Amino acid sequence: MLIQIKCRDFGPGIKATDLANLFKPYSRQAPDSNNDSHGLGLFVCNRIAENMKGKLSVESTVNEGSEFTFSFKAERLEQDT
């Protein structure tokens, strides 16, 4: 069974040129901004997805927002009676 978890925001979106580096460590879309980001969050999420033999993907449109999708296969567990 394929499970998909989607998270969407309506923020500034991500430029196409930034998408290639999005899941790399220390990657930040706006490194000069005044935020406390270290650029590790999406890297860690992507590693978790890979360790579960899943995938983390993103679709984004500048000035409209982004949608992240975490997909993985789940197996049905048999219940002991």
PDB file of N, CA and C in Angstrom:
ATOM      1  N   MET A   1       0.845  -1.158   0.000  1.00  0.00           N
ATOM      2  CA  MET A   1       0.000   0.000   0.000  1.00  0.00           C
ATOM      3  C   MET A   1       0.906   1.241   0.000  1.00  0.00           C
ATOM      4  N   LEU A   2       0.646   2.157  -0.888  1.00  0.00           N
ATOM      5  CA  LEU A   2       1.416   3.398  -0.967  1.00  0.00           C
ATOM      6  C   LEU A   2       0.764   4.452  -0.080  1.00  0.00           C
ATOM      7  N   ILE A   3       1.563   5.026   0.799  1.00  0.00           N
ATOM      8  CA  ILE A   3       1.112   6.098   1.685  1.00  0.00           C
ATOM      9  C   ILE A   3       1.752   7.392   1.215  1.00  0.00           C
ATOM     10  N   GLN A   4       0.956   8.443   1.132  1.00  0.00           N
ATOM     11  CA  GLN A   4       1.481   9.769   0.789  1.00  0.00           C
ATOM     12  C   GLN A   4       1.017  10.770   1.834  1.00  0.00           C
ATOM     13  N   ILE A   5       1.973  11.552   2.323  1.00  0.00           N
ATOM     14  CA  ILE A   5       1.678  12.631   3.254  1.00  0.00           C
ATOM     15  C   ILE A   5       2.099  13.919   2.562  1.00  0.00           C
ATOM     16  N   LYS A   6       1.150  14.840   2.435  1.00  0.00           N
ATOM     17  CA  LYS A   6       1.426  16.098   1.739  1.00  0.00           C
ATOM     18  C   LYS A   6       1.306  17.266   2.700  1.00  0.00           C
ATOM     19  N   CYS A   7       2.174  18.232   2.508  1.00  0.00           N
ATOM     20  CA  CYS A   7       2.156  19.459   3.297  1.00  0.00           C
ATOM     21  C   CYS A   7       2.299  20.631   2.327  1.00  0.00           C
ATOM     22  N   ARG A   8       1.344  21.537   2.371  1.00  0.00           N
ATOM     23  CA  ARG A   8       1.337  22.660   1.433  1.00  0.00           C
ATOM     24  C   ARG A   8       1.351  23.979   2.191  1.00  0.00           C
ATOM     25  N   ASP A   9       2.082  24.939   1.648  1.00  0.00           N
ATOM     26  CA  ASP A   9       2.049  26.284   2.201  1.00  0.00           C
ATOM     27  C   ASP A   9       1.778  27.272   1.074  1.00  0.00           C
ATOM     28  N   PHE A  10       1.433  28.458   1.456  1.00  0.00           N
ATOM     29  CA  PHE A  10       1.132  29.497   0.477  1.00  0.00           C
ATOM     30  C   PHE A  10       2.102  30.659   0.636  1.00  0.00           C
ATOM     31  N   GLY A  11       3.372  30.304   0.893  1.00  0.00           N
ATOM     32  CA  GLY A  11       4.422  31.296   1.092  1.00  0.00           C
ATOM     33  C   GLY A  11       4.986  31.784  -0.231  1.00  0.00           C
ATOM     34  N   PRO A  12       6.228  32.255  -0.190  1.00  0.00           N
ATOM     35  CA  PRO A  12       6.838  32.858  -1.383  1.00  0.00           C
ATOM     36  C   PRO A  12       7.211  31.859  -2.466  1.00  0.00           C
ATOM     37  N   GLY A  13       7.169  30.573  -2.167  1.00  0.00           N
ATOM     38  CA  GLY A  13       7.566  29.578  -3.162  1.00  0.00           C
ATOM     39  C   GLY A  13       9.075  29.467  -3.253  1.00  0.00           C
ATOM     40  N   ILE A  14       9.525  28.541  -4.072  1.00  0.00           N
ATOM     41  CA  ILE A  14      10.956  28.280  -4.233  1.00  0.00           C
ATOM     42  C   ILE A  14      11.301  28.412  -5.705  1.00  0.00           C
ATOM     43  N   LYS A  15      12.344  29.185  -5.986  1.00  0.00           N
ATOM     44  CA  LYS A  15      12.779  29.374  -7.379  1.00  0.00           C
ATOM     45  C   LYS A  15      13.267  28.045  -7.958  1.00  0.00           C
ATOM     46  N   ALA A  16      13.024  27.837  -9.228  1.00  0.00           N
ATOM     47  CA  ALA A  16      13.452  26.602  -9.906  1.00  0.00           C
ATOM     48  C   ALA A  16      14.952  26.390  -9.763  1.00  0.00           C
ATOM     49  N   THR A  17      15.727  27.453  -9.765  1.00  0.00           N
ATOM     50  CA  THR A  17      17.184  27.329  -9.637  1.00  0.00           C
ATOM     51  C   THR A  17      17.596  26.848  -8.245  1.00  0.00           C
ATOM     52  N   ASP A  18      16.735  27.024  -7.235  1.00  0.00           N
ATOM     53  CA  ASP A  18      17.044  26.589  -5.872  1.00  0.00           C
ATOM     54  C   ASP A  18      16.589  25.164  -5.588  1.00  0.00           C
ATOM     55  N   LEU A  19      15.711  24.619  -6.423  1.00  0.00           N
ATOM     56  CA  LEU A  19      15.163  23.286  -6.173  1.00  0.00           C
ATOM     57  C   LEU A  19      16.223  22.188  -6.218  1.00  0.00           C
ATOM     58  N   ALA A  20      17.218  22.322  -7.069  1.00  0.00           N
ATOM     59  CA  ALA A  20      18.243  21.284  -7.214  1.00  0.00           C
ATOM     60  C   ALA A  20      19.040  21.072  -5.929  1.00  0.00           C
ATOM     61  N   ASN A  21      19.193  22.114  -5.128  1.00  0.00           N
ATOM     62  CA  ASN A  21      19.989  22.024  -3.904  1.00  0.00           C
ATOM     63  C   ASN A  21      19.147  21.912  -2.642  1.00  0.00           C
ATOM     64  N   LEU A  22      17.848  21.855  -2.791  1.00  0.00           N
ATOM     65  CA  LEU A  22      16.934  21.954  -1.661  1.00  0.00           C
ATOM     66  C   LEU A  22      17.162  20.906  -0.584  1.00  0.00           C
ATOM     67  N   PHE A  23      17.496  19.675  -0.964  1.00  0.00           N
ATOM     68  CA  PHE A  23      17.644  18.592  -0.001  1.00  0.00           C
ATOM     69  C   PHE A  23      19.101  18.340   0.380  1.00  0.00           C
ATOM     70  N   LYS A  24      19.992  19.235   0.000  1.00  0.00           N
ATOM     71  CA  LYS A  24      21.407  19.120   0.369  1.00  0.00           C
ATOM     72  C   LYS A  24      21.621  19.777   1.731  1.00  0.00           C
ATOM     73  N   PRO A  25      22.611  19.275   2.501  1.00  0.00           N
ATOM     74  CA  PRO A  25      22.841  19.860   3.823  1.00  0.00           C
ATOM     75  C   PRO A  25      23.315  21.312   3.718  1.00  0.00           C
ATOM     76  N   TYR A  26      22.864  22.108   4.649  1.00  0.00           N
ATOM     77  CA  TYR A  26      23.201  23.528   4.781  1.00  0.00           C
ATOM     78  C   TYR A  26      22.671  24.379   3.636  1.00  0.00           C
ATOM     79  N   SER A  27      21.716  23.840   2.893  1.00  0.00           N
ATOM     80  CA  SER A  27      21.100  24.592   1.799  1.00  0.00           C
ATOM     81  C   SER A  27      20.022  25.500   2.369  1.00  0.00           C
ATOM     82  N   ARG A  28      20.116  26.778   2.037  1.00  0.00           N
ATOM     83  CA  ARG A  28      19.121  27.748   2.481  1.00  0.00           C
ATOM     84  C   ARG A  28      18.710  28.586   1.286  1.00  0.00           C
ATOM     85  N   GLN A  29      17.416  28.824   1.172  1.00  0.00           N
ATOM     86  CA  GLN A  29      16.920  29.591   0.036  1.00  0.00           C
ATOM     87  C   GLN A  29      17.378  31.043   0.105  1.00  0.00           C
ATOM     88  N   ALA A  30      17.360  31.618   1.302  1.00  0.00           N
ATOM     89  CA  ALA A  30      17.746  33.022   1.469  1.00  0.00           C
ATOM     90  C   ALA A  30      18.801  33.109   2.570  1.00  0.00           C
ATOM     91  N   PRO A  31      20.054  32.797   2.250  1.00  0.00           N
ATOM     92  CA  PRO A  31      21.084  32.757   3.294  1.00  0.00           C
ATOM     93  C   PRO A  31      21.346  34.104   3.965  1.00  0.00           C
ATOM     94  N   ASP A  32      20.967  35.194   3.350  1.00  0.00           N
ATOM     95  CA  ASP A  32      21.210  36.506   3.946  1.00  0.00           C
ATOM     96  C   ASP A  32      20.061  36.991   4.818  1.00  0.00           C
ATOM     97  N   SER A  33      18.978  36.213   4.892  1.00  0.00           N
ATOM     98  CA  SER A  33      17.823  36.657   5.672  1.00  0.00           C
ATOM     99  C   SER A  33      18.110  36.515   7.169  1.00  0.00           C
ATOM    100  N   ASN A  34      17.316  37.183   7.959  1.00  0.00           N
ATOM    101  CA  ASN A  34      17.488  37.147   9.411  1.00  0.00           C
ATOM    102  C   ASN A  34      16.649  36.044  10.024  1.00  0.00           C
ATOM    103  N   ASN A  35      16.978  34.803   9.730  1.00  0.00           N
ATOM    104  CA  ASN A  35      16.286  33.691  10.385  1.00  0.00           C
ATOM    105  C   ASN A  35      17.312  32.767  11.009  1.00  0.00           C
ATOM    106  N   ASP A  36      16.840  31.871  11.844  1.00  0.00           N
ATOM    107  CA  ASP A  36      17.735  30.980  12.577  1.00  0.00           C
ATOM    108  C   ASP A  36      17.958  29.643  11.874  1.00  0.00           C
ATOM    109  N   SER A  37      17.587  29.555  10.606  1.00  0.00           N
ATOM    110  CA  SER A  37      17.710  28.310   9.857  1.00  0.00           C
ATOM    111  C   SER A  37      19.174  27.934   9.655  1.00  0.00           C
ATOM    112  N   HIS A  38      19.443  26.628   9.772  1.00  0.00           N
ATOM    113  CA  HIS A  38      20.786  26.125   9.497  1.00  0.00           C
ATOM    114  C   HIS A  38      20.823  25.318   8.200  1.00  0.00           C
ATOM    115  N   GLY A  39      19.663  25.159   7.554  1.00  0.00           N
ATOM    116  CA  GLY A  39      19.621  24.453   6.285  1.00  0.00           C
ATOM    117  C   GLY A  39      19.728  22.946   6.415  1.00  0.00           C
ATOM    118  N   LEU A  40      19.293  22.393   7.540  1.00  0.00           N
ATOM    119  CA  LEU A  40      19.395  20.949   7.732  1.00  0.00           C
ATOM    120  C   LEU A  40      18.051  20.242   7.757  1.00  0.00           C
ATOM    121  N   GLY A  41      16.961  20.947   7.950  1.00  0.00           N
ATOM    122  CA  GLY A  41      15.648  20.326   8.122  1.00  0.00           C
ATOM    123  C   GLY A  41      15.225  19.438   6.967  1.00  0.00           C
ATOM    124  N   LEU A  42      15.248  19.958   5.755  1.00  0.00           N
ATOM    125  CA  LEU A  42      14.820  19.160   4.601  1.00  0.00           C
ATOM    126  C   LEU A  42      15.827  18.062   4.279  1.00  0.00           C
ATOM    127  N   PHE A  43      17.095  18.316   4.562  1.00  0.00           N
ATOM    128  CA  PHE A  43      18.117  17.279   4.390  1.00  0.00           C
ATOM    129  C   PHE A  43      17.803  16.084   5.289  1.00  0.00           C
ATOM    130  N   VAL A  44      17.496  16.348   6.562  1.00  0.00           N
ATOM    131  CA  VAL A  44      17.177  15.284   7.512  1.00  0.00           C
ATOM    132  C   VAL A  44      15.894  14.565   7.101  1.00  0.00           C
ATOM    133  N   CYS A  45      14.868  15.324   6.711  1.00  0.00           N
ATOM    134  CA  CYS A  45      13.610  14.708   6.255  1.00  0.00           C
ATOM    135  C   CYS A  45      13.839  13.807   5.059  1.00  0.00           C
ATOM    136  N   ASN A  46      14.670  14.230   4.135  1.00  0.00           N
ATOM    137  CA  ASN A  46      14.957  13.429   2.950  1.00  0.00           C
ATOM    138  C   ASN A  46      15.692  12.145   3.328  1.00  0.00           C
ATOM    139  N   ARG A  47      16.619  12.227   4.283  1.00  0.00           N
ATOM    140  CA  ARG A  47      17.331  11.035   4.739  1.00  0.00           C
ATOM    141  C   ARG A  47      16.379  10.044   5.397  1.00  0.00           C
ATOM    142  N   ILE A  48      15.443  10.552   6.198  1.00  0.00           N
ATOM    143  CA  ILE A  48      14.452   9.675   6.820  1.00  0.00           C
ATOM    144  C   ILE A  48      13.639   8.962   5.741  1.00  0.00           C
ATOM    145  N   ALA A  49      13.207   9.723   4.735  1.00  0.00           N
ATOM    146  CA  ALA A  49      12.440   9.129   3.632  1.00  0.00           C
ATOM    147  C   ALA A  49      13.256   8.052   2.923  1.00  0.00           C
ATOM    148  N   GLU A  50      14.516   8.335   2.644  1.00  0.00           N
ATOM    149  CA  GLU A  50      15.375   7.356   1.970  1.00  0.00           C
ATOM    150  C   GLU A  50      15.560   6.100   2.824  1.00  0.00           C
ATOM    151  N   ASN A  51      15.732   6.271   4.136  1.00  0.00           N
ATOM    152  CA  ASN A  51      15.910   5.117   5.021  1.00  0.00           C
ATOM    153  C   ASN A  51      14.659   4.264   5.102  1.00  0.00           C
ATOM    154  N   MET A  52      13.508   4.848   4.818  1.00  0.00           N
ATOM    155  CA  MET A  52      12.250   4.103   4.789  1.00  0.00           C
ATOM    156  C   MET A  52      11.943   3.588   3.387  1.00  0.00           C
ATOM    157  N   LYS A  53      12.919   3.699   2.485  1.00  0.00           N
ATOM    158  CA  LYS A  53      12.770   3.331   1.072  1.00  0.00           C
ATOM    159  C   LYS A  53      11.624   4.116   0.422  1.00  0.00           C
ATOM    160  N   GLY A  54      11.505   5.365   0.867  1.00  0.00           N
ATOM    161  CA  GLY A  54      10.480   6.255   0.336  1.00  0.00           C
ATOM    162  C   GLY A  54      11.103   7.408  -0.413  1.00  0.00           C
ATOM    163  N   LYS A  55      10.303   8.431  -0.612  1.00  0.00           N
ATOM    164  CA  LYS A  55      10.755   9.579  -1.395  1.00  0.00           C
ATOM    165  C   LYS A  55      10.131  10.852  -0.840  1.00  0.00           C
ATOM    166  N   LEU A  56      10.920  11.909  -0.813  1.00  0.00           N
ATOM    167  CA  LEU A  56      10.435  13.240  -0.474  1.00  0.00           C
ATOM    168  C   LEU A  56      10.565  14.079  -1.729  1.00  0.00           C
ATOM    169  N   SER A  57       9.476  14.708  -2.132  1.00  0.00           N
ATOM    170  CA  SER A  57       9.502  15.524  -3.337  1.00  0.00           C
ATOM    171  C   SER A  57       8.827  16.860  -3.074  1.00  0.00           C
ATOM    172  N   VAL A  58       9.047  17.797  -3.977  1.00  0.00           N
ATOM    173  CA  VAL A  58       8.472  19.133  -3.817  1.00  0.00           C
ATOM    174  C   VAL A  58       8.029  19.664  -5.171  1.00  0.00           C
ATOM    175  N   GLU A  59       6.918  20.354  -5.157  1.00  0.00           N
ATOM    176  CA  GLU A  59       6.450  21.138  -6.305  1.00  0.00           C
ATOM    177  C   GLU A  59       6.271  22.549  -5.780  1.00  0.00           C
ATOM    178  N   SER A  60       6.783  23.528  -6.506  1.00  0.00           N
ATOM    179  CA  SER A  60       6.720  24.889  -6.005  1.00  0.00           C
ATOM    180  C   SER A  60       6.533  25.877  -7.139  1.00  0.00           C
ATOM    181  N   THR A  61       5.780  26.919  -6.841  1.00  0.00           N
ATOM    182  CA  THR A  61       5.573  28.024  -7.776  1.00  0.00           C
ATOM    183  C   THR A  61       5.863  29.316  -7.025  1.00  0.00           C
ATOM    184  N   VAL A  62       6.772  30.109  -7.578  1.00  0.00           N
ATOM    185  CA  VAL A  62       7.133  31.374  -6.947  1.00  0.00           C
ATOM    186  C   VAL A  62       5.879  32.239  -6.796  1.00  0.00           C
ATOM    187  N   ASN A  63       5.754  32.857  -5.652  1.00  0.00           N
ATOM    188  CA  ASN A  63       4.634  33.727  -5.267  1.00  0.00           C
ATOM    189  C   ASN A  63       3.312  32.980  -5.047  1.00  0.00           C
ATOM    190  N   GLU A  64       3.346  31.645  -5.079  1.00  0.00           N
ATOM    191  CA  GLU A  64       2.128  30.875  -4.831  1.00  0.00           C
ATOM    192  C   GLU A  64       2.301  29.866  -3.697  1.00  0.00           C
ATOM    193  N   GLY A  65       3.505  29.350  -3.502  1.00  0.00           N
ATOM    194  CA  GLY A  65       3.748  28.404  -2.427  1.00  0.00           C
ATOM    195  C   GLY A  65       4.344  27.098  -2.902  1.00  0.00           C
ATOM    196  N   SER A  66       4.438  26.161  -1.960  1.00  0.00           N
ATOM    197  CA  SER A  66       5.091  24.876  -2.215  1.00  0.00           C
ATOM    198  C   SER A  66       4.263  23.736  -1.645  1.00  0.00           C
ATOM    199  N   GLU A  67       4.422  22.562  -2.243  1.00  0.00           N
ATOM    200  CA  GLU A  67       3.789  21.359  -1.716  1.00  0.00           C
ATOM    201  C   GLU A  67       4.849  20.267  -1.646  1.00  0.00           C
ATOM    202  N   PHE A  68       5.070  19.760  -0.431  1.00  0.00           N
ATOM    203  CA  PHE A  68       6.003  18.674  -0.193  1.00  0.00           C
ATOM    204  C   PHE A  68       5.214  17.382  -0.043  1.00  0.00           C
ATOM    205  N   THR A  69       5.729  16.319  -0.644  1.00  0.00           N
ATOM    206  CA  THR A  69       5.074  15.017  -0.576  1.00  0.00           C
ATOM    207  C   THR A  69       6.073  13.972  -0.095  1.00  0.00           C
ATOM    208  N   PHE A  70       5.689  13.268   0.950  1.00  0.00           N
ATOM    209  CA  PHE A  70       6.463  12.154   1.476  1.00  0.00           C
ATOM    210  C   PHE A  70       5.702  10.888   1.101  1.00  0.00           C
ATOM    211  N   SER A  71       6.330  10.031   0.295  1.00  0.00           N
ATOM    212  CA  SER A  71       5.694   8.797  -0.182  1.00  0.00           C
ATOM    213  C   SER A  71       6.507   7.594   0.278  1.00  0.00           C
ATOM    214  N   PHE A  72       5.802   6.569   0.730  1.00  0.00           N
ATOM    215  CA  PHE A  72       6.470   5.334   1.110  1.00  0.00           C
ATOM    216  C   PHE A  72       5.478   4.183   1.050  1.00  0.00           C
ATOM    217  N   LYS A  73       6.008   2.974   0.917  1.00  0.00           N
ATOM    218  CA  LYS A  73       5.161   1.778   0.893  1.00  0.00           C
ATOM    219  C   LYS A  73       5.047   1.228   2.301  1.00  0.00           C
ATOM    220  N   ALA A  74       3.842   0.850   2.650  1.00  0.00           N
ATOM    221  CA  ALA A  74       3.584   0.263   3.963  1.00  0.00           C
ATOM    222  C   ALA A  74       3.075  -1.156   3.770  1.00  0.00           C
ATOM    223  N   GLU A  75       3.450  -2.005   4.688  1.00  0.00           N
ATOM    224  CA  GLU A  75       2.980  -3.379   4.648  1.00  0.00           C
ATOM    225  C   GLU A  75       1.940  -3.580   5.731  1.00  0.00           C
ATOM    226  N   ARG A  76       0.951  -4.366   5.411  1.00  0.00           N
ATOM    227  CA  ARG A  76      -0.085  -4.695   6.400  1.00  0.00           C
ATOM    228  C   ARG A  76       0.497  -5.723   7.372  1.00  0.00           C
ATOM    229  N   LEU A  77       0.342  -5.441   8.652  1.00  0.00           N
ATOM    230  CA  LEU A  77       0.797  -6.375   9.679  1.00  0.00           C
ATOM    231  C   LEU A  77      -0.349  -7.274  10.088  1.00  0.00           C
ATOM    232  N   GLU A  78      -0.060  -8.540  10.222  1.00  0.00           N
ATOM    233  CA  GLU A  78      -1.061  -9.492  10.681  1.00  0.00           C
ATOM    234  C   GLU A  78      -1.174  -9.401  12.186  1.00  0.00           C
ATOM    235  N   GLN A  79      -2.388  -9.435  12.685  1.00  0.00           N
ATOM    236  CA  GLN A  79      -2.630  -9.333  14.116  1.00  0.00           C
ATOM    237  C   GLN A  79      -2.645 -10.721  14.741  1.00  0.00           C
ATOM    238  N   ASP A  80      -1.908 -10.859  15.853  1.00  0.00           N
ATOM    239  CA  ASP A  80      -1.938 -12.133  16.580  1.00  0.00           C
ATOM    240  C   ASP A  80      -3.250 -12.253  17.329  1.00  0.00           C
ATOM    241  N   THR A  81      -3.829 -13.458  17.333  1.00  0.00           N
ATOM    242  CA  THR A  81      -5.095 -13.655  18.072  1.00  0.00           C
ATOM    243  C   THR A  81      -4.885 -14.533  19.279  1.00  0.00           C
TER     244      THR A  81
END
